[in-house]
Amino acid sequence: MKYSQGNSVGTAVLSSQGDQLVAVELNLHGLPPGVHAIHIHETAKCEAPDFKSAGPHFNPDHKKHGLENPEGHHAGDLNNITVNAKGNVKVKFTIPNVTLDGDDPHSLFRNGGTSLVIHAKADDMKTDPAGNSGDRIACGVITK
């Protein structure tokens, strides 16, 4: 994953954990301390400076934004991450309802892949389309 200036902020390693469950291991550094939104976006592009090339959230089921949305949420909506005072975060989590199987509509490799984006602020978990999470500050293309 990289900042808009091109410098690395660390890695995200994804692995299949069975049918429609993907594990993520983040090891990031140099980020602003605090709580940040992290989402999967539908396009495998991370063009600086604003990473808008990553497109909207990965949403194969055409749902609303937010893990707390009663109508369901985007497949790319994830829980916030907390960056410590030194700018580091090391965390493992799983993402349900996605797969690494290229033929599946919920595959993170469908249509050329997706991106993992970190935002400047926390996701409020309900506001459509992106939870008032602010600017995109880091991005990484999800590749095989």
N, C-alpha and C. Protein backbone atom coordinates (compact mmCIF):
# COMPACT_ATOMS: atom_id res chain seq x y z
N MET A 1 0.85 -1.17 0.00
CA MET A 1 0.00 0.00 0.00
C MET A 1 0.89 1.23 0.00
N LYS A 2 0.38 2.29 -0.64
CA LYS A 2 1.18 3.51 -0.78
C LYS A 2 0.39 4.77 -0.49
N TYR A 3 1.13 5.79 -0.05
CA TYR A 3 0.61 7.15 0.06
C TYR A 3 0.58 7.78 -1.32
N SER A 4 -0.10 8.91 -1.44
CA SER A 4 -0.18 9.59 -2.73
C SER A 4 1.19 10.04 -3.23
N GLN A 5 2.16 10.25 -2.34
CA GLN A 5 3.50 10.64 -2.75
C GLN A 5 4.31 9.45 -3.27
N GLY A 6 3.75 8.25 -3.16
CA GLY A 6 4.40 7.06 -3.68
C GLY A 6 5.15 6.24 -2.65
N ASN A 7 5.33 6.76 -1.44
CA ASN A 7 6.05 6.00 -0.44
C ASN A 7 5.17 4.91 0.17
N SER A 8 5.80 3.79 0.49
CA SER A 8 5.07 2.64 1.03
C SER A 8 4.60 2.90 2.46
N VAL A 9 3.41 2.41 2.76
CA VAL A 9 2.90 2.44 4.13
C VAL A 9 2.79 1.01 4.69
N GLY A 10 3.29 0.03 3.94
CA GLY A 10 3.27 -1.34 4.43
C GLY A 10 2.51 -2.28 3.52
N THR A 11 2.06 -3.39 4.11
CA THR A 11 1.47 -4.45 3.32
C THR A 11 0.12 -4.91 3.87
N ALA A 12 -0.65 -5.47 2.96
CA ALA A 12 -1.89 -6.17 3.29
C ALA A 12 -1.83 -7.51 2.57
N VAL A 13 -1.91 -8.58 3.32
CA VAL A 13 -1.86 -9.92 2.74
C VAL A 13 -3.24 -10.54 2.90
N LEU A 14 -3.82 -10.98 1.77
CA LEU A 14 -5.15 -11.59 1.77
C LEU A 14 -5.03 -13.07 1.48
N SER A 15 -5.86 -13.87 2.14
CA SER A 15 -5.87 -15.31 1.89
C SER A 15 -7.29 -15.85 2.04
N SER A 16 -7.57 -16.86 1.23
CA SER A 16 -8.89 -17.49 1.27
C SER A 16 -9.03 -18.33 2.53
N GLN A 17 -10.19 -18.23 3.18
CA GLN A 17 -10.48 -18.99 4.38
C GLN A 17 -11.69 -19.89 4.17
N GLY A 18 -11.95 -20.23 2.93
CA GLY A 18 -13.09 -21.08 2.63
C GLY A 18 -14.09 -20.34 1.77
N ASP A 19 -15.30 -20.86 1.70
CA ASP A 19 -16.33 -20.32 0.84
C ASP A 19 -16.76 -18.93 1.30
N GLN A 20 -16.47 -17.93 0.49
CA GLN A 20 -16.87 -16.53 0.72
C GLN A 20 -16.38 -15.97 2.06
N LEU A 21 -15.11 -16.24 2.37
CA LEU A 21 -14.47 -15.65 3.55
C LEU A 21 -12.99 -15.44 3.24
N VAL A 22 -12.54 -14.19 3.38
CA VAL A 22 -11.15 -13.84 3.09
C VAL A 22 -10.52 -13.24 4.34
N ALA A 23 -9.33 -13.74 4.69
CA ALA A 23 -8.58 -13.20 5.82
C ALA A 23 -7.64 -12.11 5.31
N VAL A 24 -7.48 -11.06 6.14
CA VAL A 24 -6.58 -9.95 5.81
C VAL A 24 -5.62 -9.76 6.97
N GLU A 25 -4.34 -9.61 6.64
CA GLU A 25 -3.33 -9.28 7.64
C GLU A 25 -2.67 -7.97 7.23
N LEU A 26 -2.93 -6.92 8.01
CA LEU A 26 -2.36 -5.60 7.74
C LEU A 26 -1.14 -5.39 8.60
N ASN A 27 -0.08 -4.86 7.99
CA ASN A 27 1.12 -4.45 8.71
C ASN A 27 1.52 -3.10 8.11
N LEU A 28 1.03 -2.01 8.71
CA LEU A 28 1.17 -0.68 8.14
C LEU A 28 1.95 0.24 9.07
N HIS A 29 2.59 1.24 8.47
CA HIS A 29 3.40 2.19 9.24
C HIS A 29 3.30 3.56 8.58
N GLY A 30 3.65 4.60 9.34
CA GLY A 30 3.72 5.95 8.79
C GLY A 30 2.37 6.59 8.53
N LEU A 31 1.32 6.07 9.13
CA LEU A 31 -0.02 6.64 8.95
C LEU A 31 -0.31 7.64 10.08
N PRO A 32 -1.25 8.55 9.87
CA PRO A 32 -1.64 9.45 10.95
C PRO A 32 -2.30 8.65 12.09
N PRO A 33 -1.91 8.89 13.34
CA PRO A 33 -2.53 8.18 14.45
C PRO A 33 -4.04 8.44 14.50
N GLY A 34 -4.77 7.46 15.03
CA GLY A 34 -6.21 7.60 15.18
C GLY A 34 -6.97 6.51 14.47
N VAL A 35 -8.28 6.71 14.40
CA VAL A 35 -9.18 5.73 13.78
C VAL A 35 -9.41 6.10 12.32
N HIS A 36 -9.28 5.12 11.45
CA HIS A 36 -9.42 5.33 10.01
C HIS A 36 -10.34 4.28 9.39
N ALA A 37 -11.10 4.71 8.40
CA ALA A 37 -11.89 3.78 7.61
C ALA A 37 -10.96 3.03 6.66
N ILE A 38 -11.32 1.80 6.38
CA ILE A 38 -10.64 1.00 5.37
C ILE A 38 -11.72 0.27 4.59
N HIS A 39 -11.65 0.36 3.28
CA HIS A 39 -12.67 -0.23 2.42
C HIS A 39 -12.02 -0.94 1.24
N ILE A 40 -12.74 -1.89 0.68
CA ILE A 40 -12.36 -2.45 -0.62
C ILE A 40 -13.10 -1.65 -1.67
N HIS A 41 -12.37 -1.16 -2.65
CA HIS A 41 -12.96 -0.40 -3.76
C HIS A 41 -12.94 -1.25 -5.02
N GLU A 42 -13.84 -0.97 -5.95
CA GLU A 42 -14.11 -1.91 -7.05
C GLU A 42 -13.10 -1.92 -8.19
N THR A 43 -12.17 -0.99 -8.26
CA THR A 43 -11.24 -0.93 -9.39
C THR A 43 -9.81 -1.14 -8.93
N ALA A 44 -9.04 -1.89 -9.69
CA ALA A 44 -7.65 -2.20 -9.36
C ALA A 44 -6.72 -1.09 -9.84
N LYS A 45 -6.96 0.12 -9.37
CA LYS A 45 -6.11 1.27 -9.71
C LYS A 45 -5.92 2.13 -8.47
N CYS A 46 -4.71 2.62 -8.31
CA CYS A 46 -4.39 3.51 -7.19
C CYS A 46 -3.56 4.67 -7.72
N GLU A 47 -4.20 5.54 -8.48
CA GLU A 47 -3.50 6.67 -9.08
C GLU A 47 -3.52 7.87 -8.15
N ALA A 48 -2.33 8.37 -7.85
CA ALA A 48 -2.18 9.55 -7.00
C ALA A 48 -2.67 10.78 -7.74
N PRO A 49 -3.03 11.85 -7.06
CA PRO A 49 -2.85 12.03 -5.62
C PRO A 49 -4.08 11.66 -4.79
N ASP A 50 -5.25 11.46 -5.41
CA ASP A 50 -6.47 11.29 -4.61
C ASP A 50 -7.04 9.87 -4.60
N PHE A 51 -6.47 8.97 -5.37
CA PHE A 51 -6.90 7.57 -5.45
C PHE A 51 -8.35 7.39 -5.87
N LYS A 52 -8.93 8.40 -6.51
CA LYS A 52 -10.31 8.26 -6.99
C LYS A 52 -10.40 7.20 -8.09
N SER A 53 -9.27 6.87 -8.70
CA SER A 53 -9.22 5.83 -9.72
C SER A 53 -9.64 4.48 -9.16
N ALA A 54 -9.62 4.30 -7.85
CA ALA A 54 -10.05 3.04 -7.24
C ALA A 54 -11.56 2.85 -7.33
N GLY A 55 -12.28 3.91 -7.71
CA GLY A 55 -13.72 3.81 -7.89
C GLY A 55 -14.47 3.74 -6.57
N PRO A 56 -15.76 3.40 -6.64
CA PRO A 56 -16.58 3.29 -5.42
C PRO A 56 -16.28 1.98 -4.69
N HIS A 57 -16.95 1.78 -3.58
CA HIS A 57 -16.79 0.56 -2.81
C HIS A 57 -17.20 -0.67 -3.62
N PHE A 58 -16.53 -1.77 -3.36
CA PHE A 58 -16.88 -3.05 -3.96
C PHE A 58 -18.27 -3.43 -3.46
N ASN A 59 -19.22 -3.57 -4.39
CA ASN A 59 -20.63 -3.71 -4.00
C ASN A 59 -21.39 -4.58 -5.01
N PRO A 60 -21.01 -5.86 -5.14
CA PRO A 60 -21.64 -6.71 -6.16
C PRO A 60 -23.14 -6.95 -5.94
N ASP A 61 -23.63 -6.73 -4.73
CA ASP A 61 -25.05 -6.97 -4.45
C ASP A 61 -25.88 -5.69 -4.47
N HIS A 62 -25.25 -4.55 -4.83
CA HIS A 62 -25.95 -3.26 -4.97
C HIS A 62 -26.71 -2.87 -3.70
N LYS A 63 -26.01 -2.93 -2.57
CA LYS A 63 -26.62 -2.57 -1.29
C LYS A 63 -26.19 -1.15 -0.89
N LYS A 64 -26.65 -0.70 0.24
CA LYS A 64 -26.31 0.61 0.79
C LYS A 64 -24.98 0.51 1.56
N HIS A 65 -24.42 1.67 1.92
CA HIS A 65 -23.19 1.67 2.68
C HIS A 65 -23.44 1.48 4.17
N GLY A 66 -22.49 0.84 4.83
CA GLY A 66 -22.44 0.83 6.28
C GLY A 66 -22.75 -0.51 6.91
N LEU A 67 -21.84 -0.98 7.73
CA LEU A 67 -22.04 -2.25 8.42
C LEU A 67 -23.27 -2.22 9.32
N GLU A 68 -23.71 -1.02 9.73
CA GLU A 68 -24.90 -0.90 10.58
C GLU A 68 -26.17 -0.60 9.78
N ASN A 69 -26.09 -0.62 8.46
CA ASN A 69 -27.25 -0.32 7.64
C ASN A 69 -28.24 -1.49 7.68
N PRO A 70 -29.50 -1.26 8.07
CA PRO A 70 -30.47 -2.35 8.17
C PRO A 70 -30.81 -2.98 6.82
N GLU A 71 -30.52 -2.29 5.72
CA GLU A 71 -30.79 -2.83 4.38
C GLU A 71 -29.63 -3.66 3.84
N GLY A 72 -28.62 -3.87 4.65
CA GLY A 72 -27.43 -4.58 4.20
C GLY A 72 -26.35 -3.60 3.81
N HIS A 73 -25.14 -4.09 3.61
CA HIS A 73 -23.99 -3.22 3.35
C HIS A 73 -23.19 -3.68 2.15
N HIS A 74 -22.33 -2.79 1.67
CA HIS A 74 -21.41 -3.13 0.58
C HIS A 74 -20.51 -4.28 1.02
N ALA A 75 -20.16 -5.14 0.11
CA ALA A 75 -19.20 -6.21 0.42
C ALA A 75 -17.85 -5.62 0.81
N GLY A 76 -17.54 -4.42 0.32
CA GLY A 76 -16.27 -3.77 0.61
C GLY A 76 -16.25 -2.94 1.88
N ASP A 77 -17.34 -2.89 2.62
CA ASP A 77 -17.39 -2.15 3.89
C ASP A 77 -16.70 -2.98 4.97
N LEU A 78 -15.74 -2.37 5.65
CA LEU A 78 -14.97 -3.06 6.69
C LEU A 78 -15.01 -2.26 7.98
N ASN A 79 -14.65 -2.90 9.07
CA ASN A 79 -14.53 -2.19 10.34
C ASN A 79 -13.35 -1.22 10.29
N ASN A 80 -13.44 -0.15 11.05
CA ASN A 80 -12.36 0.83 11.13
C ASN A 80 -11.11 0.18 11.72
N ILE A 81 -9.97 0.78 11.42
CA ILE A 81 -8.70 0.36 12.01
C ILE A 81 -8.20 1.49 12.90
N THR A 82 -7.44 1.14 13.93
CA THR A 82 -6.87 2.14 14.83
C THR A 82 -5.35 2.14 14.69
N VAL A 83 -4.82 3.29 14.30
CA VAL A 83 -3.39 3.48 14.13
C VAL A 83 -2.84 4.03 15.44
N ASN A 84 -1.77 3.43 15.96
CA ASN A 84 -1.23 3.86 17.25
C ASN A 84 -0.48 5.20 17.13
N ALA A 85 0.00 5.71 18.26
CA ALA A 85 0.65 7.02 18.32
C ALA A 85 1.92 7.10 17.47
N LYS A 86 2.54 5.94 17.19
CA LYS A 86 3.74 5.90 16.35
C LYS A 86 3.41 5.78 14.86
N GLY A 87 2.11 5.72 14.53
CA GLY A 87 1.70 5.63 13.13
C GLY A 87 1.62 4.22 12.59
N ASN A 88 1.59 3.23 13.48
CA ASN A 88 1.59 1.84 13.07
C ASN A 88 0.27 1.15 13.39
N VAL A 89 -0.04 0.15 12.58
CA VAL A 89 -1.17 -0.73 12.86
C VAL A 89 -0.82 -2.11 12.32
N LYS A 90 -1.00 -3.10 13.18
CA LYS A 90 -0.81 -4.49 12.79
C LYS A 90 -2.05 -5.22 13.28
N VAL A 91 -2.86 -5.71 12.34
CA VAL A 91 -4.13 -6.31 12.71
C VAL A 91 -4.51 -7.39 11.69
N LYS A 92 -5.25 -8.38 12.18
CA LYS A 92 -5.80 -9.44 11.32
C LYS A 92 -7.32 -9.40 11.47
N PHE A 93 -8.02 -9.61 10.36
CA PHE A 93 -9.47 -9.68 10.38
C PHE A 93 -9.95 -10.48 9.19
N THR A 94 -11.22 -10.82 9.18
CA THR A 94 -11.79 -11.54 8.05
C THR A 94 -12.88 -10.70 7.40
N ILE A 95 -13.09 -10.95 6.12
CA ILE A 95 -14.13 -10.27 5.35
C ILE A 95 -15.10 -11.34 4.85
N PRO A 96 -16.35 -11.32 5.34
CA PRO A 96 -17.34 -12.27 4.84
C PRO A 96 -17.91 -11.82 3.49
N ASN A 97 -18.51 -12.75 2.79
CA ASN A 97 -19.22 -12.47 1.53
C ASN A 97 -18.33 -12.00 0.40
N VAL A 98 -17.03 -12.32 0.47
CA VAL A 98 -16.13 -12.09 -0.66
C VAL A 98 -15.28 -13.34 -0.82
N THR A 99 -14.67 -13.46 -1.98
CA THR A 99 -13.84 -14.63 -2.27
C THR A 99 -12.65 -14.19 -3.12
N LEU A 100 -11.69 -15.08 -3.24
CA LEU A 100 -10.55 -14.86 -4.13
C LEU A 100 -10.68 -15.72 -5.39
N ASP A 101 -11.85 -16.35 -5.56
CA ASP A 101 -12.14 -17.16 -6.75
C ASP A 101 -12.53 -16.22 -7.89
N GLY A 102 -11.72 -16.15 -8.91
CA GLY A 102 -11.91 -15.21 -10.01
C GLY A 102 -13.22 -15.33 -10.76
N ASP A 103 -13.91 -16.48 -10.69
CA ASP A 103 -15.15 -16.67 -11.43
C ASP A 103 -16.39 -16.24 -10.66
N ASP A 104 -16.26 -16.02 -9.38
CA ASP A 104 -17.40 -15.70 -8.53
C ASP A 104 -17.72 -14.20 -8.62
N PRO A 105 -19.01 -13.82 -8.64
CA PRO A 105 -19.36 -12.39 -8.66
C PRO A 105 -18.84 -11.61 -7.45
N HIS A 106 -18.55 -12.31 -6.34
CA HIS A 106 -18.03 -11.67 -5.13
C HIS A 106 -16.50 -11.74 -5.05
N SER A 107 -15.86 -12.13 -6.16
CA SER A 107 -14.41 -12.25 -6.17
C SER A 107 -13.73 -10.89 -6.19
N LEU A 108 -12.71 -10.75 -5.36
CA LEU A 108 -11.92 -9.51 -5.34
C LEU A 108 -11.04 -9.39 -6.58
N PHE A 109 -10.97 -10.46 -7.40
CA PHE A 109 -10.21 -10.42 -8.65
C PHE A 109 -11.11 -10.26 -9.88
N ARG A 110 -12.42 -10.16 -9.68
CA ARG A 110 -13.36 -10.02 -10.79
C ARG A 110 -13.09 -8.73 -11.56
N ASN A 111 -13.27 -8.74 -12.84
CA ASN A 111 -13.10 -7.56 -13.71
C ASN A 111 -11.74 -6.88 -13.52
N GLY A 112 -10.70 -7.67 -13.33
CA GLY A 112 -9.36 -7.11 -13.25
C GLY A 112 -8.87 -6.79 -11.86
N GLY A 113 -9.67 -7.01 -10.84
CA GLY A 113 -9.23 -6.80 -9.47
C GLY A 113 -9.88 -5.63 -8.77
N THR A 114 -9.46 -5.41 -7.53
CA THR A 114 -10.01 -4.37 -6.66
C THR A 114 -8.86 -3.66 -5.95
N SER A 115 -9.19 -2.72 -5.08
CA SER A 115 -8.17 -2.00 -4.31
C SER A 115 -8.58 -1.92 -2.85
N LEU A 116 -7.59 -1.79 -1.99
CA LEU A 116 -7.82 -1.57 -0.57
C LEU A 116 -7.43 -0.12 -0.29
N VAL A 117 -8.36 0.65 0.27
CA VAL A 117 -8.15 2.08 0.47
C VAL A 117 -8.32 2.44 1.95
N ILE A 118 -7.39 3.26 2.44
CA ILE A 118 -7.49 3.80 3.80
C ILE A 118 -7.89 5.26 3.68
N HIS A 119 -8.84 5.66 4.51
CA HIS A 119 -9.38 7.02 4.49
C HIS A 119 -8.85 7.84 5.67
N ALA A 120 -8.97 9.16 5.55
CA ALA A 120 -8.45 10.09 6.56
C ALA A 120 -9.18 10.01 7.89
N LYS A 121 -10.47 9.67 7.85
CA LYS A 121 -11.29 9.66 9.07
C LYS A 121 -11.93 8.29 9.27
N ALA A 122 -12.57 8.13 10.40
CA ALA A 122 -13.31 6.90 10.70
C ALA A 122 -14.60 6.84 9.86
N ASP A 123 -15.04 5.65 9.59
CA ASP A 123 -16.33 5.39 8.93
C ASP A 123 -17.41 5.44 10.01
N ASP A 124 -18.49 6.19 9.76
CA ASP A 124 -19.58 6.24 10.74
C ASP A 124 -20.49 5.02 10.65
N MET A 125 -20.22 4.12 9.73
CA MET A 125 -20.90 2.83 9.56
C MET A 125 -22.33 2.92 9.06
N LYS A 126 -22.78 4.11 8.61
CA LYS A 126 -24.16 4.19 8.15
C LYS A 126 -24.40 5.16 7.00
N THR A 127 -23.62 6.21 6.86
CA THR A 127 -23.90 7.22 5.84
C THR A 127 -23.49 6.73 4.45
N ASP A 128 -24.43 6.75 3.52
CA ASP A 128 -24.19 6.33 2.14
C ASP A 128 -23.59 7.51 1.38
N PRO A 129 -22.58 7.37 0.54
CA PRO A 129 -22.01 6.12 0.05
C PRO A 129 -20.73 5.68 0.74
N ALA A 130 -20.12 6.49 1.63
CA ALA A 130 -18.81 6.11 2.16
C ALA A 130 -18.62 6.38 3.66
N GLY A 131 -19.68 6.61 4.40
CA GLY A 131 -19.57 6.73 5.84
C GLY A 131 -18.90 7.98 6.36
N ASN A 132 -18.90 9.06 5.54
CA ASN A 132 -18.25 10.31 5.95
C ASN A 132 -16.80 10.08 6.36
N SER A 133 -16.12 9.21 5.63
CA SER A 133 -14.78 8.79 6.03
C SER A 133 -13.66 9.68 5.49
N GLY A 134 -14.00 10.69 4.73
CA GLY A 134 -12.98 11.65 4.30
C GLY A 134 -12.14 11.19 3.12
N ASP A 135 -11.06 11.93 2.91
CA ASP A 135 -10.17 11.69 1.77
C ASP A 135 -9.55 10.31 1.81
N ARG A 136 -9.17 9.85 0.64
CA ARG A 136 -8.45 8.59 0.51
C ARG A 136 -6.96 8.91 0.69
N ILE A 137 -6.33 8.34 1.73
CA ILE A 137 -4.95 8.72 2.02
C ILE A 137 -3.91 7.65 1.66
N ALA A 138 -4.35 6.41 1.49
CA ALA A 138 -3.44 5.34 1.08
C ALA A 138 -4.23 4.31 0.29
N CYS A 139 -3.53 3.62 -0.61
CA CYS A 139 -4.22 2.69 -1.51
C CYS A 139 -3.27 1.58 -1.93
N GLY A 140 -3.83 0.40 -2.09
CA GLY A 140 -3.07 -0.73 -2.62
C GLY A 140 -3.95 -1.57 -3.51
N VAL A 141 -3.44 -1.92 -4.67
CA VAL A 141 -4.17 -2.78 -5.61
C VAL A 141 -4.12 -4.21 -5.09
N ILE A 142 -5.25 -4.88 -5.10
CA ILE A 142 -5.32 -6.28 -4.68
C ILE A 142 -5.01 -7.14 -5.90
N THR A 143 -3.86 -7.83 -5.84
CA THR A 143 -3.39 -8.65 -6.95
C THR A 143 -3.17 -10.09 -6.48
N LYS A 144 -3.12 -10.98 -7.47
CA LYS A 144 -2.88 -12.39 -7.15
C LYS A 144 -1.42 -12.59 -6.81
